[in-house]
Amino acid sequence: MRKEWGKNVNPEKLEKCAARPKLRAMPRILVYSGPNCPYCARAKALLQKKGAAFEDIDVRADPARLAEMKEKSGGKQTIPQIFIGDKHIGGCDDLYALDAQGGLDPLLAS
């Protein structure tokens, strides 16, 4: 053991910590959705499978958030509308197509 910053530090533990992969923060993910929406549920299930944390916004319960969704999506009114970082993905089919093309994982990792 050696003394470091006023603590006893075990060199073996330091090596283990240094060898751990560094965690990277995922971009902010917004899912504008509504209750009883199978497309919303399917899109959220894919994001959960990928381990992506997302903010689920119920636009049917909050007209202000619906207006926000329309503005951000260029006037789209269908749900879900999905945003990863500043990028508008679109709806459920768009999310699955992006994943099938291999484009979803890099976006989640950026």
N, C-alpha and C. Protein backbone atom coordinates (compact mmCIF):
# COMPACT_ATOMS: atom_id res chain seq x y z
N MET A 1 0.85 -1.19 0.00
CA MET A 1 0.00 0.00 0.00
C MET A 1 0.88 1.23 0.00
N ARG A 2 0.38 2.25 -0.66
CA ARG A 2 1.09 3.52 -0.60
C ARG A 2 0.11 4.61 -0.22
N LYS A 3 0.61 5.66 0.33
CA LYS A 3 -0.22 6.76 0.79
C LYS A 3 -0.33 7.79 -0.34
N GLU A 4 -1.58 8.18 -0.68
CA GLU A 4 -1.78 9.13 -1.76
C GLU A 4 -2.96 10.02 -1.40
N TRP A 5 -2.74 11.30 -1.45
CA TRP A 5 -3.79 12.29 -1.13
C TRP A 5 -4.45 12.02 0.21
N GLY A 6 -3.67 11.58 1.13
CA GLY A 6 -4.19 11.37 2.47
C GLY A 6 -4.96 10.07 2.63
N LYS A 7 -4.88 9.16 1.64
CA LYS A 7 -5.61 7.89 1.72
C LYS A 7 -4.63 6.75 1.48
N ASN A 8 -4.95 5.61 1.99
CA ASN A 8 -4.21 4.40 1.64
C ASN A 8 -4.76 3.87 0.33
N VAL A 9 -3.89 3.67 -0.65
CA VAL A 9 -4.32 3.23 -1.98
C VAL A 9 -3.67 1.89 -2.30
N ASN A 10 -4.49 0.96 -2.70
CA ASN A 10 -4.00 -0.35 -3.09
C ASN A 10 -3.65 -0.31 -4.58
N PRO A 11 -2.38 -0.55 -4.96
CA PRO A 11 -1.98 -0.47 -6.37
C PRO A 11 -2.77 -1.42 -7.28
N GLU A 12 -3.18 -2.57 -6.76
CA GLU A 12 -3.96 -3.50 -7.57
C GLU A 12 -5.31 -2.88 -7.96
N LYS A 13 -5.93 -2.18 -7.03
CA LYS A 13 -7.20 -1.53 -7.33
C LYS A 13 -7.01 -0.42 -8.34
N LEU A 14 -5.90 0.32 -8.25
CA LEU A 14 -5.63 1.37 -9.23
C LEU A 14 -5.52 0.79 -10.63
N GLU A 15 -4.85 -0.34 -10.76
CA GLU A 15 -4.70 -0.98 -12.07
C GLU A 15 -6.05 -1.41 -12.62
N LYS A 16 -6.91 -1.96 -11.77
CA LYS A 16 -8.24 -2.39 -12.21
C LYS A 16 -9.06 -1.19 -12.68
N CYS A 17 -8.97 -0.08 -11.95
CA CYS A 17 -9.72 1.11 -12.34
C CYS A 17 -9.22 1.66 -13.67
N ALA A 18 -7.92 1.66 -13.87
CA ALA A 18 -7.34 2.18 -15.10
C ALA A 18 -7.71 1.31 -16.29
N ALA A 19 -7.93 0.02 -16.06
CA ALA A 19 -8.22 -0.91 -17.15
C ALA A 19 -9.70 -0.89 -17.56
N ARG A 20 -10.57 -0.29 -16.75
CA ARG A 20 -11.99 -0.24 -17.08
C ARG A 20 -12.22 0.65 -18.30
N PRO A 21 -13.17 0.26 -19.16
CA PRO A 21 -13.47 1.13 -20.29
C PRO A 21 -14.11 2.42 -19.79
N LYS A 22 -13.80 3.49 -20.45
CA LYS A 22 -14.36 4.79 -20.09
C LYS A 22 -15.80 4.89 -20.57
N LEU A 23 -16.67 5.36 -19.70
CA LEU A 23 -18.07 5.53 -20.06
C LEU A 23 -18.22 6.83 -20.84
N ARG A 24 -18.99 6.76 -21.90
CA ARG A 24 -19.26 7.96 -22.69
C ARG A 24 -20.72 8.31 -22.52
N ALA A 25 -20.97 9.57 -22.41
CA ALA A 25 -22.35 10.03 -22.25
C ALA A 25 -23.07 9.91 -23.59
N MET A 26 -24.29 9.42 -23.55
CA MET A 26 -25.10 9.36 -24.76
C MET A 26 -25.72 10.73 -24.98
N PRO A 27 -26.02 11.04 -26.23
CA PRO A 27 -26.70 12.31 -26.50
C PRO A 27 -28.11 12.29 -25.91
N ARG A 28 -28.67 13.47 -25.74
CA ARG A 28 -30.04 13.57 -25.23
C ARG A 28 -30.99 13.01 -26.29
N ILE A 29 -31.88 12.14 -25.86
CA ILE A 29 -32.85 11.53 -26.77
C ILE A 29 -34.24 11.92 -26.31
N LEU A 30 -35.02 12.48 -27.23
CA LEU A 30 -36.40 12.86 -26.96
C LEU A 30 -37.31 11.99 -27.81
N VAL A 31 -38.33 11.44 -27.18
CA VAL A 31 -39.36 10.68 -27.89
C VAL A 31 -40.69 11.35 -27.59
N TYR A 32 -41.23 12.03 -28.58
CA TYR A 32 -42.56 12.62 -28.45
C TYR A 32 -43.54 11.51 -28.78
N SER A 33 -44.40 11.17 -27.83
CA SER A 33 -45.27 10.00 -28.00
C SER A 33 -46.63 10.25 -27.38
N GLY A 34 -47.40 9.19 -27.27
CA GLY A 34 -48.71 9.26 -26.66
C GLY A 34 -49.10 7.89 -26.13
N PRO A 35 -50.10 7.85 -25.27
CA PRO A 35 -50.55 6.57 -24.70
C PRO A 35 -51.23 5.70 -25.76
N ASN A 36 -51.15 4.42 -25.56
CA ASN A 36 -51.81 3.43 -26.44
C ASN A 36 -51.38 3.56 -27.90
N CYS A 37 -50.14 3.93 -28.12
CA CYS A 37 -49.60 4.08 -29.47
C CYS A 37 -48.62 2.94 -29.71
N PRO A 38 -48.99 1.97 -30.56
CA PRO A 38 -48.10 0.83 -30.78
C PRO A 38 -46.77 1.21 -31.44
N TYR A 39 -46.77 2.23 -32.29
CA TYR A 39 -45.53 2.67 -32.93
C TYR A 39 -44.60 3.30 -31.90
N CYS A 40 -45.19 4.04 -30.97
CA CYS A 40 -44.39 4.64 -29.90
C CYS A 40 -43.76 3.55 -29.04
N ALA A 41 -44.56 2.55 -28.69
CA ALA A 41 -44.07 1.46 -27.86
C ALA A 41 -42.94 0.71 -28.56
N ARG A 42 -43.09 0.50 -29.85
CA ARG A 42 -42.07 -0.23 -30.61
C ARG A 42 -40.77 0.57 -30.69
N ALA A 43 -40.87 1.88 -30.93
CA ALA A 43 -39.68 2.73 -31.00
C ALA A 43 -38.97 2.77 -29.65
N LYS A 44 -39.73 2.92 -28.57
CA LYS A 44 -39.14 2.97 -27.23
C LYS A 44 -38.50 1.63 -26.87
N ALA A 45 -39.10 0.53 -27.34
CA ALA A 45 -38.53 -0.79 -27.06
C ALA A 45 -37.16 -0.94 -27.72
N LEU A 46 -37.01 -0.43 -28.94
CA LEU A 46 -35.72 -0.50 -29.62
C LEU A 46 -34.67 0.32 -28.87
N LEU A 47 -35.04 1.51 -28.45
CA LEU A 47 -34.09 2.35 -27.70
C LEU A 47 -33.70 1.68 -26.38
N GLN A 48 -34.67 1.07 -25.72
CA GLN A 48 -34.37 0.38 -24.46
C GLN A 48 -33.45 -0.81 -24.72
N LYS A 49 -33.69 -1.55 -25.80
CA LYS A 49 -32.84 -2.68 -26.15
C LYS A 49 -31.40 -2.23 -26.37
N LYS A 50 -31.24 -1.02 -26.91
CA LYS A 50 -29.91 -0.47 -27.17
C LYS A 50 -29.29 0.11 -25.90
N GLY A 51 -30.06 0.15 -24.81
CA GLY A 51 -29.55 0.71 -23.56
C GLY A 51 -29.54 2.22 -23.53
N ALA A 52 -30.34 2.83 -24.37
CA ALA A 52 -30.37 4.28 -24.48
C ALA A 52 -31.42 4.87 -23.54
N ALA A 53 -31.00 5.81 -22.73
CA ALA A 53 -31.94 6.53 -21.87
C ALA A 53 -32.59 7.62 -22.72
N PHE A 54 -33.88 7.79 -22.55
CA PHE A 54 -34.58 8.81 -23.34
C PHE A 54 -35.65 9.48 -22.49
N GLU A 55 -36.02 10.67 -22.93
CA GLU A 55 -37.10 11.42 -22.30
C GLU A 55 -38.36 11.16 -23.11
N ASP A 56 -39.38 10.62 -22.47
CA ASP A 56 -40.65 10.30 -23.12
C ASP A 56 -41.63 11.43 -22.85
N ILE A 57 -42.05 12.11 -23.90
CA ILE A 57 -42.92 13.27 -23.76
C ILE A 57 -44.29 12.93 -24.34
N ASP A 58 -45.32 12.95 -23.49
CA ASP A 58 -46.69 12.64 -23.91
C ASP A 58 -47.32 13.90 -24.48
N VAL A 59 -47.38 13.99 -25.81
CA VAL A 59 -47.91 15.19 -26.45
C VAL A 59 -49.43 15.26 -26.40
N ARG A 60 -50.07 14.15 -26.15
CA ARG A 60 -51.53 14.18 -26.05
C ARG A 60 -51.99 14.80 -24.74
N ALA A 61 -51.13 14.77 -23.75
CA ALA A 61 -51.49 15.34 -22.44
C ALA A 61 -51.05 16.80 -22.30
N ASP A 62 -50.21 17.27 -23.22
CA ASP A 62 -49.65 18.62 -23.08
C ASP A 62 -49.60 19.31 -24.44
N PRO A 63 -50.59 20.17 -24.72
CA PRO A 63 -50.64 20.86 -26.02
C PRO A 63 -49.39 21.69 -26.31
N ALA A 64 -48.77 22.22 -25.29
CA ALA A 64 -47.55 23.01 -25.51
C ALA A 64 -46.42 22.14 -26.05
N ARG A 65 -46.34 20.92 -25.54
CA ARG A 65 -45.30 19.99 -26.02
C ARG A 65 -45.62 19.51 -27.43
N LEU A 66 -46.92 19.39 -27.77
CA LEU A 66 -47.30 19.04 -29.13
C LEU A 66 -46.85 20.14 -30.10
N ALA A 67 -47.09 21.38 -29.73
CA ALA A 67 -46.65 22.51 -30.55
C ALA A 67 -45.13 22.51 -30.69
N GLU A 68 -44.43 22.20 -29.61
CA GLU A 68 -42.97 22.11 -29.63
C GLU A 68 -42.52 21.02 -30.61
N MET A 69 -43.17 19.86 -30.55
CA MET A 69 -42.84 18.75 -31.45
C MET A 69 -43.04 19.15 -32.90
N LYS A 70 -44.17 19.80 -33.20
CA LYS A 70 -44.46 20.22 -34.57
C LYS A 70 -43.40 21.20 -35.07
N GLU A 71 -43.01 22.11 -34.23
CA GLU A 71 -42.02 23.11 -34.62
C GLU A 71 -40.65 22.45 -34.89
N LYS A 72 -40.25 21.57 -33.98
CA LYS A 72 -38.93 20.93 -34.12
C LYS A 72 -38.88 19.96 -35.29
N SER A 73 -40.03 19.35 -35.63
CA SER A 73 -40.04 18.32 -36.67
C SER A 73 -40.44 18.86 -38.04
N GLY A 74 -40.57 20.16 -38.15
CA GLY A 74 -40.94 20.73 -39.45
C GLY A 74 -42.41 20.54 -39.78
N GLY A 75 -43.25 20.50 -38.75
CA GLY A 75 -44.69 20.41 -38.96
C GLY A 75 -45.29 19.02 -38.87
N LYS A 76 -44.49 18.02 -38.61
CA LYS A 76 -45.01 16.65 -38.49
C LYS A 76 -45.93 16.56 -37.28
N GLN A 77 -47.05 15.86 -37.47
CA GLN A 77 -48.04 15.73 -36.40
C GLN A 77 -48.20 14.31 -35.90
N THR A 78 -47.59 13.35 -36.58
CA THR A 78 -47.73 11.95 -36.18
C THR A 78 -46.75 11.62 -35.06
N ILE A 79 -47.13 10.63 -34.27
CA ILE A 79 -46.24 10.17 -33.20
C ILE A 79 -45.87 8.72 -33.46
N PRO A 80 -44.69 8.34 -33.03
CA PRO A 80 -43.70 9.13 -32.32
C PRO A 80 -42.89 10.02 -33.27
N GLN A 81 -42.28 11.03 -32.69
CA GLN A 81 -41.25 11.82 -33.35
C GLN A 81 -40.03 11.72 -32.46
N ILE A 82 -38.92 11.30 -33.03
CA ILE A 82 -37.73 10.97 -32.25
C ILE A 82 -36.58 11.89 -32.64
N PHE A 83 -35.90 12.38 -31.61
CA PHE A 83 -34.73 13.24 -31.79
C PHE A 83 -33.57 12.65 -31.00
N ILE A 84 -32.43 12.55 -31.65
CA ILE A 84 -31.20 12.11 -30.98
C ILE A 84 -30.22 13.26 -31.09
N GLY A 85 -29.91 13.87 -29.96
CA GLY A 85 -29.13 15.10 -29.99
C GLY A 85 -29.93 16.15 -30.73
N ASP A 86 -29.31 16.80 -31.70
CA ASP A 86 -30.00 17.81 -32.50
C ASP A 86 -30.61 17.24 -33.77
N LYS A 87 -30.45 15.94 -33.99
CA LYS A 87 -30.90 15.31 -35.24
C LYS A 87 -32.32 14.77 -35.12
N HIS A 88 -33.16 15.17 -36.05
CA HIS A 88 -34.53 14.65 -36.12
C HIS A 88 -34.48 13.33 -36.87
N ILE A 89 -34.84 12.24 -36.20
CA ILE A 89 -34.82 10.91 -36.81
C ILE A 89 -36.10 10.66 -37.59
N GLY A 90 -37.22 11.09 -37.04
CA GLY A 90 -38.52 10.85 -37.64
C GLY A 90 -39.34 9.94 -36.74
N GLY A 91 -40.07 9.02 -37.35
CA GLY A 91 -40.95 8.14 -36.59
C GLY A 91 -40.34 6.77 -36.35
N CYS A 92 -41.19 5.85 -35.96
CA CYS A 92 -40.77 4.49 -35.62
C CYS A 92 -40.10 3.80 -36.80
N ASP A 93 -40.73 3.84 -37.97
CA ASP A 93 -40.16 3.19 -39.14
C ASP A 93 -38.80 3.79 -39.49
N ASP A 94 -38.67 5.09 -39.34
CA ASP A 94 -37.40 5.76 -39.63
C ASP A 94 -36.31 5.30 -38.65
N LEU A 95 -36.69 5.12 -37.39
CA LEU A 95 -35.73 4.66 -36.38
C LEU A 95 -35.25 3.24 -36.71
N TYR A 96 -36.19 2.35 -37.06
CA TYR A 96 -35.82 0.98 -37.40
C TYR A 96 -34.99 0.92 -38.69
N ALA A 97 -35.32 1.78 -39.66
CA ALA A 97 -34.54 1.81 -40.91
C ALA A 97 -33.12 2.29 -40.63
N LEU A 98 -32.99 3.29 -39.78
CA LEU A 98 -31.66 3.79 -39.40
C LEU A 98 -30.85 2.69 -38.73
N ASP A 99 -31.50 1.92 -37.87
CA ASP A 99 -30.81 0.82 -37.20
C ASP A 99 -30.40 -0.25 -38.20
N ALA A 100 -31.27 -0.59 -39.14
CA ALA A 100 -30.97 -1.62 -40.14
C ALA A 100 -29.81 -1.20 -41.04
N GLN A 101 -29.65 0.10 -41.28
CA GLN A 101 -28.56 0.61 -42.10
C GLN A 101 -27.26 0.77 -41.31
N GLY A 102 -27.32 0.50 -39.99
CA GLY A 102 -26.13 0.62 -39.16
C GLY A 102 -25.86 2.03 -38.69
N GLY A 103 -26.84 2.92 -38.79
CA GLY A 103 -26.63 4.31 -38.42
C GLY A 103 -27.06 4.68 -37.01
N LEU A 104 -27.81 3.82 -36.34
CA LEU A 104 -28.33 4.17 -35.02
C LEU A 104 -27.24 4.10 -33.95
N ASP A 105 -26.49 3.01 -33.93
CA ASP A 105 -25.46 2.85 -32.89
C ASP A 105 -24.44 3.99 -32.89
N PRO A 106 -23.92 4.42 -34.06
CA PRO A 106 -23.00 5.56 -34.03
C PRO A 106 -23.63 6.84 -33.49
N LEU A 107 -24.90 7.06 -33.78
CA LEU A 107 -25.58 8.25 -33.26
C LEU A 107 -25.70 8.18 -31.73
N LEU A 108 -26.01 7.00 -31.23
CA LEU A 108 -26.15 6.83 -29.78
C LEU A 108 -24.81 6.97 -29.09
N ALA A 109 -23.74 6.64 -29.77
CA ALA A 109 -22.41 6.70 -29.18
C ALA A 109 -21.76 8.08 -29.31
N SER A 110 -22.36 8.97 -30.09
CA SER A 110 -21.73 10.27 -30.32
C SER A 110 -21.94 11.23 -29.18
